[in-house]
Amino acid sequence: MKIVITGITRGLGRALTDYYIAEGHTVIGCGRGAEGILDLRFTHPAPQDFSVLDVADTTKVELWAERVLGVHGTPDFLINNAALMNDPAPLWEVPADKFSRLIDVNIKGVANVIRAFVPAMVKEKKGVVVNFSSGWGRSVSPEVAPYCASKWAIEGLTKALAEELPEGMAAVPLNPGIINTGMLQQCWADDAASYPLAEAWAKKAGPYILTLSRKDNGHSVSVGD
């Protein structure tokens, strides 16, 4: 399968990339970290395809997608994983610029990628869009209000998108679960160590994601369902 994944240089995105390639799939991915992208290029040569890209940059996302679609064709799965977490703080103490940056990546970035890839998928009436949500997209906790807001938005955005897609396609908001990544360590510090690492998570999440299809269109799902 051809799988497009955003935010591939670390955490869940990197773990999924390594897993899918090991399973024989082609992964086309992007991430902001040039060093991480360079490492991926050395580790996984063509037909794998990795680009330095900030999903919040609308024009660059459009150019990236145009190239990817021209070279690889439409993806079977489009996985929007790239996201930021705010430093834990009461909402009124979160700086405006950091709040805006989180929204730009977590919500606008997802919309940018959808806008760039989904028209080609709609034309062929095939493909699954998986937007990573969170337990905090369906509940809340103190000191992570910006992140909660962004993931609640992803739930609504994805469910609305699901109603717009033709037969043969699906859009699914996915809660990946609680995984010991840099993002979790940012908000839970030492408590993150009690949760599984991304590499172990990918062995469960990777095959689960590939089972998502039209039957799941618009349904909130979680890894392990």
C-alpha atoms as a PDB file:
ATOM      1  CA  MET A   1       0.000   0.000   0.000  1.00  0.00           C
ATOM      2  CA  LYS A   2       0.982   3.636  -0.444  1.00  0.00           C
ATOM      3  CA  ILE A   3       0.750   5.462   2.871  1.00  0.00           C
ATOM      4  CA  VAL A   4       1.241   9.200   3.396  1.00  0.00           C
ATOM      5  CA  ILE A   5       2.134  10.155   6.977  1.00  0.00           C
ATOM      6  CA  THR A   6       2.838  13.594   8.441  1.00  0.00           C
ATOM      7  CA  GLY A   7       5.131  14.208  11.410  1.00  0.00           C
ATOM      8  CA  ILE A   8       7.414  11.251  10.720  1.00  0.00           C
ATOM      9  CA  THR A   9      10.684  12.343  12.307  1.00  0.00           C
ATOM     10  CA  ARG A  10       9.871  11.224  15.850  1.00  0.00           C
ATOM     11  CA  GLY A  11       7.311   9.625  18.128  1.00  0.00           C
ATOM     12  CA  LEU A  12       4.327   7.855  16.646  1.00  0.00           C
ATOM     13  CA  GLY A  13       5.021   9.026  13.097  1.00  0.00           C
ATOM     14  CA  ARG A  14       8.535   7.584  13.059  1.00  0.00           C
ATOM     15  CA  ALA A  15       7.403   4.353  14.686  1.00  0.00           C
ATOM     16  CA  LEU A  16       4.608   3.884  12.143  1.00  0.00           C
ATOM     17  CA  THR A  17       6.964   4.686   9.274  1.00  0.00           C
ATOM     18  CA  ASP A  18       9.484   2.067  10.353  1.00  0.00           C
ATOM     19  CA  TYR A  19       6.733  -0.496  10.944  1.00  0.00           C
ATOM     20  CA  TYR A  20       4.995  -0.030   7.607  1.00  0.00           C
ATOM     21  CA  ILE A  21       8.218  -0.130   5.623  1.00  0.00           C
ATOM     22  CA  ALA A  22       9.246  -3.332   7.404  1.00  0.00           C
ATOM     23  CA  GLU A  23       5.886  -4.781   6.356  1.00  0.00           C
ATOM     24  CA  GLY A  24       6.547  -3.994   2.706  1.00  0.00           C
ATOM     25  CA  HIS A  25       4.466  -0.833   2.278  1.00  0.00           C
ATOM     26  CA  THR A  26       5.608   2.398   0.624  1.00  0.00           C
ATOM     27  CA  VAL A  27       5.646   5.383   2.963  1.00  0.00           C
ATOM     28  CA  ILE A  28       5.653   8.958   1.756  1.00  0.00           C
ATOM     29  CA  GLY A  29       6.151  11.265   4.702  1.00  0.00           C
ATOM     30  CA  CYS A  30       7.088  14.697   5.926  1.00  0.00           C
ATOM     31  CA  GLY A  31       8.416  16.317   9.069  1.00  0.00           C
ATOM     32  CA  ARG A  32       9.886  19.602  10.214  1.00  0.00           C
ATOM     33  CA  GLY A  33      13.217  18.208  11.401  1.00  0.00           C
ATOM     34  CA  ALA A  34      15.812  18.166   8.617  1.00  0.00           C
ATOM     35  CA  GLU A  35      18.120  15.870  10.580  1.00  0.00           C
ATOM     36  CA  GLY A  36      15.345  13.346  11.140  1.00  0.00           C
ATOM     37  CA  ILE A  37      14.368  13.398   7.463  1.00  0.00           C
ATOM     38  CA  LEU A  38      18.002  12.886   6.431  1.00  0.00           C
ATOM     39  CA  ASP A  39      18.235   9.897   8.766  1.00  0.00           C
ATOM     40  CA  LEU A  40      15.075   8.406   7.273  1.00  0.00           C
ATOM     41  CA  ARG A  41      16.419   8.844   3.741  1.00  0.00           C
ATOM     42  CA  PHE A  42      19.602   6.958   4.643  1.00  0.00           C
ATOM     43  CA  THR A  43      17.737   4.256   6.551  1.00  0.00           C
ATOM     44  CA  HIS A  44      14.930   3.747   4.040  1.00  0.00           C
ATOM     45  CA  PRO A  45      15.878   4.475   0.401  1.00  0.00           C
ATOM     46  CA  ALA A  46      13.472   4.668  -2.564  1.00  0.00           C
ATOM     47  CA  PRO A  47      10.691   3.940  -3.186  1.00  0.00           C
ATOM     48  CA  GLN A  48      10.222   5.513   0.265  1.00  0.00           C
ATOM     49  CA  ASP A  49       9.957   9.304  -0.013  1.00  0.00           C
ATOM     50  CA  PHE A  50      10.616  11.799   2.788  1.00  0.00           C
ATOM     51  CA  SER A  51      10.490  15.608   2.747  1.00  0.00           C
ATOM     52  CA  VAL A  52      11.259  18.431   5.150  1.00  0.00           C
ATOM     53  CA  LEU A  53       7.946  20.219   5.539  1.00  0.00           C
ATOM     54  CA  ASP A  54       5.909  22.237   8.011  1.00  0.00           C
ATOM     55  CA  VAL A  55       2.259  21.285   7.517  1.00  0.00           C
ATOM     56  CA  ALA A  56       1.223  24.763   8.674  1.00  0.00           C
ATOM     57  CA  ASP A  57       2.761  26.226   5.494  1.00  0.00           C
ATOM     58  CA  THR A  58      -0.116  26.043   3.021  1.00  0.00           C
ATOM     59  CA  THR A  59       1.881  26.758  -0.137  1.00  0.00           C
ATOM     60  CA  LYS A  60       4.621  24.259   0.654  1.00  0.00           C
ATOM     61  CA  VAL A  61       2.063  21.572   1.478  1.00  0.00           C
ATOM     62  CA  GLU A  62       0.404  22.156  -1.899  1.00  0.00           C
ATOM     63  CA  LEU A  63       3.728  21.890  -3.736  1.00  0.00           C
ATOM     64  CA  TRP A  64       4.688  18.765  -1.798  1.00  0.00           C
ATOM     65  CA  ALA A  65       1.371  17.067  -2.539  1.00  0.00           C
ATOM     66  CA  GLU A  66       1.570  17.987  -6.226  1.00  0.00           C
ATOM     67  CA  ARG A  67       4.963  16.298  -6.468  1.00  0.00           C
ATOM     68  CA  VAL A  68       3.908  13.259  -4.429  1.00  0.00           C
ATOM     69  CA  LEU A  69       0.748  12.701  -6.455  1.00  0.00           C
ATOM     70  CA  GLY A  70       2.698  13.072  -9.690  1.00  0.00           C
ATOM     71  CA  VAL A  71       5.343  10.548  -8.649  1.00  0.00           C
ATOM     72  CA  HIS A  72       3.404   8.058  -6.540  1.00  0.00           C
ATOM     73  CA  GLY A  73      -0.253   8.546  -7.446  1.00  0.00           C
ATOM     74  CA  THR A  74      -3.022   8.746  -4.865  1.00  0.00           C
ATOM     75  CA  PRO A  75      -2.350   7.194  -1.462  1.00  0.00           C
ATOM     76  CA  ASP A  76      -4.335   4.315  -0.022  1.00  0.00           C
ATOM     77  CA  PHE A  77      -4.048   5.891   3.429  1.00  0.00           C
ATOM     78  CA  LEU A  78      -3.508   9.520   4.375  1.00  0.00           C
ATOM     79  CA  ILE A  79      -2.477   9.707   8.039  1.00  0.00           C
ATOM     80  CA  ASN A  80      -2.432  13.144   9.672  1.00  0.00           C
ATOM     81  CA  ASN A  81      -0.209  12.623  12.689  1.00  0.00           C
ATOM     82  CA  ALA A  82       1.783  15.876  12.978  1.00  0.00           C
ATOM     83  CA  ALA A  83       0.865  17.816  16.109  1.00  0.00           C
ATOM     84  CA  LEU A  84       2.207  19.973  18.917  1.00  0.00           C
ATOM     85  CA  MET A  85       1.566  19.840  22.664  1.00  0.00           C
ATOM     86  CA  ASN A  86       1.469  22.956  24.843  1.00  0.00           C
ATOM     87  CA  ASP A  87       3.616  23.241  27.959  1.00  0.00           C
ATOM     88  CA  PRO A  88       1.226  22.492  30.855  1.00  0.00           C
ATOM     89  CA  ALA A  89      -0.272  25.725  32.187  1.00  0.00           C
ATOM     90  CA  PRO A  90      -3.660  27.301  32.908  1.00  0.00           C
ATOM     91  CA  LEU A  91      -5.158  28.603  29.681  1.00  0.00           C
ATOM     92  CA  TRP A  92      -4.717  32.242  30.690  1.00  0.00           C
ATOM     93  CA  GLU A  93      -0.974  31.671  31.101  1.00  0.00           C
ATOM     94  CA  VAL A  94      -0.423  30.141  27.649  1.00  0.00           C
ATOM     95  CA  PRO A  95       1.267  32.801  25.469  1.00  0.00           C
ATOM     96  CA  ALA A  96      -0.803  33.879  22.477  1.00  0.00           C
ATOM     97  CA  ASP A  97       1.951  33.041  20.001  1.00  0.00           C
ATOM     98  CA  LYS A  98       2.311  29.494  21.325  1.00  0.00           C
ATOM     99  CA  PHE A  99      -1.447  28.998  21.290  1.00  0.00           C
ATOM    100  CA  SER A 100      -1.590  30.183  17.675  1.00  0.00           C
ATOM    101  CA  ARG A 101       1.303  27.968  16.629  1.00  0.00           C
ATOM    102  CA  LEU A 102      -0.387  24.898  18.123  1.00  0.00           C
ATOM    103  CA  ILE A 103      -3.638  25.681  16.299  1.00  0.00           C
ATOM    104  CA  ASP A 104      -1.739  26.299  13.061  1.00  0.00           C
ATOM    105  CA  VAL A 105      -0.161  22.837  13.167  1.00  0.00           C
ATOM    106  CA  ASN A 106      -2.825  20.728  14.867  1.00  0.00           C
ATOM    107  CA  ILE A 107      -5.873  22.037  13.007  1.00  0.00           C
ATOM    108  CA  LYS A 108      -4.858  24.158  10.026  1.00  0.00           C
ATOM    109  CA  GLY A 109      -2.045  21.753   9.177  1.00  0.00           C
ATOM    110  CA  VAL A 110      -4.486  18.857   8.962  1.00  0.00           C
ATOM    111  CA  ALA A 111      -6.811  20.926   6.776  1.00  0.00           C
ATOM    112  CA  ASN A 112      -3.876  21.887   4.534  1.00  0.00           C
ATOM    113  CA  VAL A 113      -2.933  18.261   3.945  1.00  0.00           C
ATOM    114  CA  ILE A 114      -6.544  17.240   3.317  1.00  0.00           C
ATOM    115  CA  ARG A 115      -7.012  20.112   0.876  1.00  0.00           C
ATOM    116  CA  ALA A 116      -3.874  19.083  -1.000  1.00  0.00           C
ATOM    117  CA  PHE A 117      -4.448  15.311  -1.251  1.00  0.00           C
ATOM    118  CA  VAL A 118      -8.147  14.544  -0.930  1.00  0.00           C
ATOM    119  CA  PRO A 119      -9.349  15.993  -4.270  1.00  0.00           C
ATOM    120  CA  ALA A 120      -7.233  13.429  -6.121  1.00  0.00           C
ATOM    121  CA  MET A 121      -8.518  10.674  -3.837  1.00  0.00           C
ATOM    122  CA  VAL A 122     -12.125  11.804  -4.358  1.00  0.00           C
ATOM    123  CA  LYS A 123     -11.609  11.742  -8.107  1.00  0.00           C
ATOM    124  CA  GLU A 124     -10.654   8.068  -7.861  1.00  0.00           C
ATOM    125  CA  LYS A 125     -13.216   7.405  -5.096  1.00  0.00           C
ATOM    126  CA  LYS A 126     -10.739   5.502  -2.970  1.00  0.00           C
ATOM    127  CA  GLY A 127      -8.600   5.975   0.089  1.00  0.00           C
ATOM    128  CA  VAL A 128      -8.893   6.406   3.843  1.00  0.00           C
ATOM    129  CA  VAL A 129      -8.091   9.614   5.720  1.00  0.00           C
ATOM    130  CA  VAL A 130      -7.007   8.958   9.308  1.00  0.00           C
ATOM    131  CA  ASN A 131      -6.735  12.050  11.485  1.00  0.00           C
ATOM    132  CA  PHE A 132      -5.031  11.473  14.805  1.00  0.00           C
ATOM    133  CA  SER A 133      -7.226  12.667  17.626  1.00  0.00           C
ATOM    134  CA  SER A 134      -6.626  11.931  21.310  1.00  0.00           C
ATOM    135  CA  GLY A 135      -8.309  10.930  24.525  1.00  0.00           C
ATOM    136  CA  TRP A 136      -8.182  14.700  25.026  1.00  0.00           C
ATOM    137  CA  GLY A 137     -10.266  15.082  21.888  1.00  0.00           C
ATOM    138  CA  ARG A 138     -13.107  13.352  23.722  1.00  0.00           C
ATOM    139  CA  SER A 139     -12.465  14.479  27.307  1.00  0.00           C
ATOM    140  CA  VAL A 140     -10.467  17.224  29.022  1.00  0.00           C
ATOM    141  CA  SER A 141      -7.805  17.781  31.676  1.00  0.00           C
ATOM    142  CA  PRO A 142      -6.444  20.939  33.283  1.00  0.00           C
ATOM    143  CA  GLU A 143      -3.410  22.736  31.862  1.00  0.00           C
ATOM    144  CA  VAL A 144      -3.737  21.264  28.356  1.00  0.00           C
ATOM    145  CA  ALA A 145      -6.669  23.370  27.126  1.00  0.00           C
ATOM    146  CA  PRO A 146      -5.041  24.367  23.796  1.00  0.00           C
ATOM    147  CA  TYR A 147      -4.263  20.753  22.942  1.00  0.00           C
ATOM    148  CA  CYS A 148      -7.747  19.626  24.011  1.00  0.00           C
ATOM    149  CA  ALA A 149      -9.310  22.344  21.863  1.00  0.00           C
ATOM    150  CA  SER A 150      -7.299  21.254  18.829  1.00  0.00           C
ATOM    151  CA  LYS A 151      -8.166  17.590  19.179  1.00  0.00           C
ATOM    152  CA  TRP A 152     -11.867  18.270  19.794  1.00  0.00           C
ATOM    153  CA  ALA A 153     -11.664  20.262  16.550  1.00  0.00           C
ATOM    154  CA  ILE A 154     -10.112  17.270  14.783  1.00  0.00           C
ATOM    155  CA  GLU A 155     -13.014  15.095  15.898  1.00  0.00           C
ATOM    156  CA  GLY A 156     -15.570  17.534  14.463  1.00  0.00           C
ATOM    157  CA  LEU A 157     -13.597  18.293  11.315  1.00  0.00           C
ATOM    158  CA  THR A 158     -13.165  14.593  10.545  1.00  0.00           C
ATOM    159  CA  LYS A 159     -16.794  13.682  11.165  1.00  0.00           C
ATOM    160  CA  ALA A 160     -17.941  16.498   8.879  1.00  0.00           C
ATOM    161  CA  LEU A 161     -15.436  15.456   6.213  1.00  0.00           C
ATOM    162  CA  ALA A 162     -16.795  11.915   6.445  1.00  0.00           C
ATOM    163  CA  GLU A 163     -20.206  13.136   5.340  1.00  0.00           C
ATOM    164  CA  GLU A 164     -18.692  14.841   2.301  1.00  0.00           C
ATOM    165  CA  LEU A 165     -16.736  11.893   0.902  1.00  0.00           C
ATOM    166  CA  PRO A 166     -18.043   9.628  -1.871  1.00  0.00           C
ATOM    167  CA  GLU A 167     -18.726   5.921  -1.482  1.00  0.00           C
ATOM    168  CA  GLY A 168     -15.480   4.007  -1.380  1.00  0.00           C
ATOM    169  CA  MET A 169     -13.728   6.498   0.892  1.00  0.00           C
ATOM    170  CA  ALA A 170     -13.597   7.081   4.626  1.00  0.00           C
ATOM    171  CA  ALA A 171     -12.456   9.700   7.127  1.00  0.00           C
ATOM    172  CA  VAL A 172     -11.777   8.457  10.644  1.00  0.00           C
ATOM    173  CA  PRO A 173     -10.732  10.268  13.841  1.00  0.00           C
ATOM    174  CA  LEU A 174      -8.358   7.924  15.660  1.00  0.00           C
ATOM    175  CA  ASN A 175      -7.346   8.065  19.307  1.00  0.00           C
ATOM    176  CA  PRO A 176      -3.930   6.387  19.320  1.00  0.00           C
ATOM    177  CA  GLY A 177      -3.992   5.821  23.082  1.00  0.00           C
ATOM    178  CA  ILE A 178      -1.420   6.825  25.683  1.00  0.00           C
ATOM    179  CA  ILE A 179       2.138   6.228  24.525  1.00  0.00           C
ATOM    180  CA  ASN A 180       5.479   7.165  26.057  1.00  0.00           C
ATOM    181  CA  THR A 181       6.670   9.779  23.567  1.00  0.00           C
ATOM    182  CA  GLY A 182       8.363  13.147  23.897  1.00  0.00           C
ATOM    183  CA  MET A 183       4.935  14.748  23.705  1.00  0.00           C
ATOM    184  CA  LEU A 184       3.633  12.732  26.661  1.00  0.00           C
ATOM    185  CA  GLN A 185       6.808  13.437  28.624  1.00  0.00           C
ATOM    186  CA  GLN A 186       6.218  17.130  27.997  1.00  0.00           C
ATOM    187  CA  CYS A 187       2.931  17.059  29.903  1.00  0.00           C
ATOM    188  CA  TRP A 188       3.318  14.090  32.277  1.00  0.00           C
ATOM    189  CA  ALA A 189       7.070  14.080  32.970  1.00  0.00           C
ATOM    190  CA  ASP A 190       8.186  10.924  34.797  1.00  0.00           C
ATOM    191  CA  ASP A 191       4.704   9.362  34.732  1.00  0.00           C
ATOM    192  CA  ALA A 192       5.079   8.806  30.975  1.00  0.00           C
ATOM    193  CA  ALA A 193       7.505   5.960  31.640  1.00  0.00           C
ATOM    194  CA  SER A 194       4.670   3.683  32.761  1.00  0.00           C
ATOM    195  CA  TYR A 195       3.202   3.640  29.251  1.00  0.00           C
ATOM    196  CA  PRO A 196       4.389   1.663  26.185  1.00  0.00           C
ATOM    197  CA  LEU A 197       7.012   3.076  23.855  1.00  0.00           C
ATOM    198  CA  ALA A 198       6.077   4.121  20.327  1.00  0.00           C
ATOM    199  CA  GLU A 199       7.833   1.143  18.736  1.00  0.00           C
ATOM    200  CA  ALA A 200       5.752  -1.350  20.726  1.00  0.00           C
ATOM    201  CA  TRP A 201       2.604   0.692  20.056  1.00  0.00           C
ATOM    202  CA  ALA A 202       3.228   0.638  16.282  1.00  0.00           C
ATOM    203  CA  LYS A 203       3.160  -3.155  16.195  1.00  0.00           C
ATOM    204  CA  LYS A 204      -0.440  -2.967  17.416  1.00  0.00           C
ATOM    205  CA  ALA A 205      -1.557   0.300  15.828  1.00  0.00           C
ATOM    206  CA  GLY A 206       0.020  -0.279  12.412  1.00  0.00           C
ATOM    207  CA  PRO A 207      -2.105  -3.268  11.398  1.00  0.00           C
ATOM    208  CA  TYR A 208      -5.183  -1.846  13.136  1.00  0.00           C
ATOM    209  CA  ILE A 209      -5.068   1.359  11.078  1.00  0.00           C
ATOM    210  CA  LEU A 210      -4.943  -0.648   7.861  1.00  0.00           C
ATOM    211  CA  THR A 211      -8.232  -2.349   8.794  1.00  0.00           C
ATOM    212  CA  LEU A 212     -10.050   1.015   8.772  1.00  0.00           C
ATOM    213  CA  SER A 213     -12.414   1.338   5.833  1.00  0.00           C
ATOM    214  CA  ARG A 214     -15.779   2.689   4.720  1.00  0.00           C
ATOM    215  CA  LYS A 215     -17.451   0.838   7.594  1.00  0.00           C
ATOM    216  CA  ASP A 216     -15.598   3.172   9.986  1.00  0.00           C
ATOM    217  CA  ASN A 217     -16.408   6.374   8.113  1.00  0.00           C
ATOM    218  CA  GLY A 218     -17.142   9.171  10.598  1.00  0.00           C
ATOM    219  CA  HIS A 219     -16.801   6.942  13.657  1.00  0.00           C
ATOM    220  CA  SER A 220     -14.507   7.868  16.534  1.00  0.00           C
ATOM    221  CA  VAL A 221     -12.199   4.891  17.031  1.00  0.00           C
ATOM    222  CA  SER A 222      -9.270   4.034  19.246  1.00  0.00           C
ATOM    223  CA  VAL A 223      -6.303   1.724  18.831  1.00  0.00           C
ATOM    224  CA  GLY A 224      -7.355  -1.522  20.446  1.00  0.00           C
ATOM    225  CA  ASP A 225     -11.059  -1.222  19.561  1.00  0.00           C
END
